[in-house]
Amino acid sequence: MNTYYNPDDLAKFSTMGEEASALWDAFMAYYGPVMADGALTAREKALIALAISHSEMCPYCIDSYTQTLLSMGVDEEEMTEAIHVAAAMKAGITLVHGVQMKNVVDKLEQ
């Protein structure tokens, strides 16, 4: 099935540095250490990244982090739970922003 997102494009990610190598290098200099072990393990960070990938709807990131996590020995149950955390957060964020609507209603009904 053809889609807008071509899975083969994931392998072309590094080409984003071809016309802007200094910016690409700066991104990689930041991204690499961010995703490495620190206060959080690389495994924990990859699970967070997978969850955010779903929340932000990035099929490339979903593909990449699923593969990364599988190579780290993370199972589908753990990945699914991380995705549910993202879904719960997205729902909660949507609902709490409803307070803004209620504030406008309250203000206009006075």
N, C-alpha and C. Protein backbone atom coordinates (compact mmCIF):
# COMPACT_ATOMS: atom_id res chain seq x y z
N MET A 1 0.84 -1.18 0.00
CA MET A 1 0.00 0.00 0.00
C MET A 1 0.89 1.24 0.00
N ASN A 2 0.63 2.15 -0.91
CA ASN A 2 1.36 3.40 -0.95
C ASN A 2 0.79 4.37 0.07
N THR A 3 1.68 5.04 0.77
CA THR A 3 1.26 6.07 1.71
C THR A 3 2.12 7.29 1.49
N TYR A 4 1.75 8.38 2.12
CA TYR A 4 2.53 9.60 2.04
C TYR A 4 3.91 9.38 2.62
N TYR A 5 3.98 8.60 3.69
CA TYR A 5 5.24 8.30 4.33
C TYR A 5 5.83 7.03 3.74
N ASN A 6 7.00 7.14 3.17
CA ASN A 6 7.67 6.01 2.58
C ASN A 6 8.67 5.46 3.59
N PRO A 7 8.51 4.23 4.05
CA PRO A 7 9.45 3.67 5.02
C PRO A 7 10.91 3.74 4.58
N ASP A 8 11.16 3.70 3.27
CA ASP A 8 12.53 3.80 2.77
C ASP A 8 13.16 5.16 3.05
N ASP A 9 12.31 6.17 3.27
CA ASP A 9 12.83 7.51 3.53
C ASP A 9 13.54 7.61 4.88
N LEU A 10 13.22 6.73 5.80
CA LEU A 10 13.87 6.76 7.10
C LEU A 10 15.39 6.64 6.95
N ALA A 11 15.82 5.82 6.04
CA ALA A 11 17.26 5.64 5.80
C ALA A 11 17.91 6.88 5.19
N LYS A 12 17.11 7.80 4.70
CA LYS A 12 17.62 9.02 4.07
C LYS A 12 17.70 10.19 5.04
N PHE A 13 17.41 9.94 6.31
CA PHE A 13 17.37 11.02 7.31
C PHE A 13 18.65 11.85 7.31
N SER A 14 19.78 11.21 7.22
CA SER A 14 21.05 11.93 7.29
C SER A 14 21.27 12.87 6.11
N THR A 15 20.50 12.70 5.04
CA THR A 15 20.66 13.60 3.90
C THR A 15 20.19 15.02 4.24
N MET A 16 19.51 15.16 5.36
CA MET A 16 19.07 16.50 5.78
C MET A 16 20.25 17.39 6.13
N GLY A 17 21.43 16.81 6.23
CA GLY A 17 22.62 17.61 6.49
C GLY A 17 23.38 18.02 5.24
N GLU A 18 22.94 17.57 4.09
CA GLU A 18 23.70 17.81 2.87
C GLU A 18 23.84 19.28 2.50
N GLU A 19 22.82 20.04 2.67
CA GLU A 19 22.87 21.46 2.32
C GLU A 19 23.06 22.35 3.54
N ALA A 20 23.11 21.75 4.71
CA ALA A 20 23.25 22.53 5.95
C ALA A 20 24.05 21.72 6.95
N SER A 21 25.28 21.41 6.58
CA SER A 21 26.08 20.50 7.39
C SER A 21 26.34 21.04 8.80
N ALA A 22 26.55 22.33 8.94
CA ALA A 22 26.80 22.88 10.28
C ALA A 22 25.58 22.71 11.18
N LEU A 23 24.40 22.92 10.63
CA LEU A 23 23.18 22.75 11.42
C LEU A 23 22.96 21.28 11.75
N TRP A 24 23.20 20.39 10.78
CA TRP A 24 23.07 18.95 11.01
C TRP A 24 24.04 18.50 12.10
N ASP A 25 25.28 18.96 12.00
CA ASP A 25 26.28 18.59 13.00
C ASP A 25 25.88 19.08 14.38
N ALA A 26 25.32 20.29 14.45
CA ALA A 26 24.87 20.83 15.73
C ALA A 26 23.72 19.99 16.29
N PHE A 27 22.79 19.61 15.43
CA PHE A 27 21.69 18.76 15.86
C PHE A 27 22.21 17.43 16.40
N MET A 28 23.10 16.80 15.65
CA MET A 28 23.63 15.50 16.06
C MET A 28 24.47 15.61 17.34
N ALA A 29 25.19 16.72 17.50
CA ALA A 29 25.98 16.93 18.71
C ALA A 29 25.07 17.05 19.93
N TYR A 30 23.86 17.54 19.73
CA TYR A 30 22.88 17.63 20.81
C TYR A 30 22.11 16.32 20.98
N TYR A 31 21.61 15.79 19.88
CA TYR A 31 20.75 14.61 19.91
C TYR A 31 21.45 13.39 20.49
N GLY A 32 22.67 13.15 20.06
CA GLY A 32 23.41 11.97 20.53
C GLY A 32 23.51 11.90 22.04
N PRO A 33 24.05 12.93 22.68
CA PRO A 33 24.15 12.90 24.15
C PRO A 33 22.80 12.88 24.85
N VAL A 34 21.80 13.54 24.27
CA VAL A 34 20.48 13.53 24.90
C VAL A 34 19.94 12.11 25.00
N MET A 35 20.16 11.31 23.96
CA MET A 35 19.61 9.95 23.93
C MET A 35 20.51 8.92 24.60
N ALA A 36 21.70 9.32 25.03
CA ALA A 36 22.64 8.39 25.69
C ALA A 36 22.27 8.24 27.17
N ASP A 37 22.84 7.23 27.79
CA ASP A 37 22.63 7.04 29.23
C ASP A 37 23.01 8.31 29.98
N GLY A 38 22.19 8.64 30.93
CA GLY A 38 22.42 9.78 31.82
C GLY A 38 21.66 9.48 33.10
N ALA A 39 20.94 10.46 33.62
CA ALA A 39 20.07 10.21 34.77
C ALA A 39 19.01 9.18 34.39
N LEU A 40 18.60 9.20 33.12
CA LEU A 40 17.72 8.17 32.56
C LEU A 40 18.57 7.27 31.67
N THR A 41 18.22 6.02 31.59
CA THR A 41 18.95 5.11 30.71
C THR A 41 18.54 5.38 29.26
N ALA A 42 19.38 4.95 28.33
CA ALA A 42 19.05 5.05 26.91
C ALA A 42 17.76 4.30 26.61
N ARG A 43 17.55 3.21 27.32
CA ARG A 43 16.32 2.40 27.16
C ARG A 43 15.10 3.22 27.57
N GLU A 44 15.17 3.87 28.73
CA GLU A 44 14.05 4.69 29.19
C GLU A 44 13.79 5.85 28.22
N LYS A 45 14.86 6.46 27.75
CA LYS A 45 14.71 7.56 26.81
C LYS A 45 14.09 7.10 25.50
N ALA A 46 14.45 5.92 25.04
CA ALA A 46 13.88 5.38 23.80
C ALA A 46 12.39 5.08 23.98
N LEU A 47 11.99 4.60 25.17
CA LEU A 47 10.56 4.37 25.43
C LEU A 47 9.80 5.70 25.43
N ILE A 48 10.40 6.72 26.03
CA ILE A 48 9.78 8.05 25.99
C ILE A 48 9.66 8.52 24.55
N ALA A 49 10.72 8.35 23.78
CA ALA A 49 10.72 8.77 22.38
C ALA A 49 9.64 8.03 21.58
N LEU A 50 9.48 6.75 21.85
CA LEU A 50 8.44 5.98 21.15
C LEU A 50 7.06 6.52 21.48
N ALA A 51 6.83 6.81 22.76
CA ALA A 51 5.53 7.34 23.18
C ALA A 51 5.27 8.69 22.52
N ILE A 52 6.27 9.56 22.52
CA ILE A 52 6.11 10.87 21.88
C ILE A 52 5.91 10.72 20.38
N SER A 53 6.58 9.75 19.78
CA SER A 53 6.42 9.50 18.35
C SER A 53 4.97 9.25 18.00
N HIS A 54 4.27 8.54 18.87
CA HIS A 54 2.85 8.27 18.64
C HIS A 54 2.02 9.52 18.89
N SER A 55 2.32 10.22 19.95
CA SER A 55 1.58 11.44 20.28
C SER A 55 1.72 12.48 19.17
N GLU A 56 2.93 12.58 18.61
CA GLU A 56 3.20 13.55 17.55
C GLU A 56 2.92 12.98 16.16
N MET A 57 2.56 11.70 16.10
CA MET A 57 2.18 11.02 14.87
C MET A 57 3.28 11.03 13.81
N CYS A 58 4.47 10.60 14.19
CA CYS A 58 5.60 10.53 13.26
C CYS A 58 5.90 9.07 12.92
N PRO A 59 5.46 8.61 11.76
CA PRO A 59 5.70 7.21 11.41
C PRO A 59 7.17 6.86 11.30
N TYR A 60 8.00 7.82 10.90
CA TYR A 60 9.43 7.55 10.82
C TYR A 60 9.99 7.26 12.21
N CYS A 61 9.62 8.07 13.18
CA CYS A 61 10.10 7.89 14.55
C CYS A 61 9.54 6.60 15.15
N ILE A 62 8.28 6.31 14.87
CA ILE A 62 7.68 5.06 15.36
C ILE A 62 8.48 3.87 14.84
N ASP A 63 8.77 3.89 13.56
CA ASP A 63 9.55 2.82 12.93
C ASP A 63 10.93 2.73 13.58
N SER A 64 11.62 3.86 13.66
CA SER A 64 12.98 3.89 14.18
C SER A 64 13.05 3.44 15.63
N TYR A 65 12.20 4.00 16.47
CA TYR A 65 12.27 3.67 17.90
C TYR A 65 11.74 2.28 18.20
N THR A 66 10.82 1.78 17.41
CA THR A 66 10.39 0.39 17.59
C THR A 66 11.57 -0.54 17.33
N GLN A 67 12.29 -0.28 16.23
CA GLN A 67 13.46 -1.10 15.92
C GLN A 67 14.53 -0.96 17.00
N THR A 68 14.78 0.26 17.43
CA THR A 68 15.78 0.51 18.48
C THR A 68 15.42 -0.25 19.75
N LEU A 69 14.17 -0.15 20.16
CA LEU A 69 13.75 -0.80 21.40
C LEU A 69 13.80 -2.32 21.28
N LEU A 70 13.41 -2.86 20.15
CA LEU A 70 13.53 -4.31 19.96
C LEU A 70 14.98 -4.75 20.07
N SER A 71 15.89 -3.95 19.51
CA SER A 71 17.31 -4.31 19.59
C SER A 71 17.84 -4.20 21.02
N MET A 72 17.15 -3.43 21.86
CA MET A 72 17.53 -3.29 23.27
C MET A 72 16.88 -4.36 24.14
N GLY A 73 16.07 -5.21 23.53
CA GLY A 73 15.40 -6.26 24.28
C GLY A 73 14.08 -5.86 24.91
N VAL A 74 13.55 -4.71 24.53
CA VAL A 74 12.26 -4.27 25.04
C VAL A 74 11.17 -5.03 24.31
N ASP A 75 10.19 -5.51 25.06
CA ASP A 75 9.14 -6.30 24.41
C ASP A 75 7.93 -5.45 24.04
N GLU A 76 7.06 -6.04 23.27
CA GLU A 76 5.89 -5.33 22.76
C GLU A 76 4.98 -4.85 23.89
N GLU A 77 4.88 -5.62 24.97
CA GLU A 77 4.04 -5.21 26.09
C GLU A 77 4.54 -3.89 26.70
N GLU A 78 5.86 -3.78 26.87
CA GLU A 78 6.42 -2.54 27.43
C GLU A 78 6.19 -1.36 26.48
N MET A 79 6.40 -1.59 25.18
CA MET A 79 6.19 -0.52 24.22
C MET A 79 4.73 -0.09 24.19
N THR A 80 3.83 -1.05 24.24
CA THR A 80 2.41 -0.74 24.23
C THR A 80 2.02 0.07 25.46
N GLU A 81 2.57 -0.30 26.61
CA GLU A 81 2.27 0.45 27.82
C GLU A 81 2.76 1.90 27.70
N ALA A 82 3.95 2.09 27.14
CA ALA A 82 4.47 3.44 26.94
C ALA A 82 3.54 4.26 26.03
N ILE A 83 3.01 3.62 25.00
CA ILE A 83 2.09 4.30 24.08
C ILE A 83 0.79 4.66 24.81
N HIS A 84 0.33 3.80 25.70
CA HIS A 84 -0.86 4.12 26.49
C HIS A 84 -0.61 5.31 27.42
N VAL A 85 0.60 5.43 27.94
CA VAL A 85 0.93 6.61 28.75
C VAL A 85 0.79 7.87 27.90
N ALA A 86 1.32 7.84 26.69
CA ALA A 86 1.21 8.99 25.79
C ALA A 86 -0.26 9.30 25.49
N ALA A 87 -1.04 8.27 25.26
CA ALA A 87 -2.46 8.47 24.95
C ALA A 87 -3.20 9.09 26.13
N ALA A 88 -2.90 8.60 27.32
CA ALA A 88 -3.55 9.15 28.53
C ALA A 88 -3.15 10.61 28.73
N MET A 89 -1.87 10.91 28.50
CA MET A 89 -1.40 12.28 28.63
C MET A 89 -2.09 13.19 27.61
N LYS A 90 -2.18 12.73 26.37
CA LYS A 90 -2.82 13.53 25.33
C LYS A 90 -4.29 13.80 25.68
N ALA A 91 -4.97 12.79 26.20
CA ALA A 91 -6.36 12.97 26.61
C ALA A 91 -6.46 13.96 27.77
N GLY A 92 -5.60 13.80 28.76
CA GLY A 92 -5.62 14.70 29.90
C GLY A 92 -5.29 16.13 29.51
N ILE A 93 -4.33 16.29 28.63
CA ILE A 93 -3.95 17.62 28.16
C ILE A 93 -5.12 18.27 27.43
N THR A 94 -5.81 17.50 26.60
CA THR A 94 -6.98 18.01 25.89
C THR A 94 -8.06 18.45 26.87
N LEU A 95 -8.32 17.61 27.86
CA LEU A 95 -9.37 17.93 28.83
C LEU A 95 -9.02 19.14 29.69
N VAL A 96 -7.79 19.22 30.17
CA VAL A 96 -7.44 20.34 31.04
C VAL A 96 -7.49 21.66 30.27
N HIS A 97 -7.24 21.62 28.96
CA HIS A 97 -7.37 22.84 28.18
C HIS A 97 -8.83 23.26 28.02
N GLY A 98 -9.75 22.36 28.34
CA GLY A 98 -11.17 22.71 28.36
C GLY A 98 -11.48 23.77 29.40
N VAL A 99 -10.61 23.90 30.39
CA VAL A 99 -10.79 24.95 31.40
C VAL A 99 -10.73 26.32 30.73
N GLN A 100 -9.92 26.46 29.68
CA GLN A 100 -9.86 27.73 28.96
C GLN A 100 -11.22 28.07 28.36
N MET A 101 -11.89 27.06 27.78
CA MET A 101 -13.23 27.26 27.23
C MET A 101 -14.18 27.68 28.34
N LYS A 102 -14.10 27.00 29.48
CA LYS A 102 -14.98 27.32 30.59
C LYS A 102 -14.72 28.74 31.09
N ASN A 103 -13.47 29.18 31.10
CA ASN A 103 -13.15 30.54 31.52
C ASN A 103 -13.78 31.57 30.59
N VAL A 104 -13.72 31.31 29.26
CA VAL A 104 -14.34 32.22 28.30
C VAL A 104 -15.86 32.27 28.50
N VAL A 105 -16.47 31.09 28.66
CA VAL A 105 -17.92 31.02 28.90
C VAL A 105 -18.28 31.82 30.15
N ASP A 106 -17.55 31.57 31.24
CA ASP A 106 -17.83 32.28 32.50
C ASP A 106 -17.72 33.78 32.32
N LYS A 107 -16.69 34.22 31.61
CA LYS A 107 -16.46 35.65 31.41
C LYS A 107 -17.59 36.27 30.57
N LEU A 108 -18.00 35.58 29.52
CA LEU A 108 -19.02 36.12 28.63
C LEU A 108 -20.43 36.02 29.20
N GLU A 109 -20.65 35.14 30.15
CA GLU A 109 -21.98 34.98 30.75
C GLU A 109 -22.20 35.92 31.93
N GLN A 110 -21.17 36.65 32.33
CA GLN A 110 -21.33 37.57 33.48
C GLN A 110 -22.08 38.80 33.11
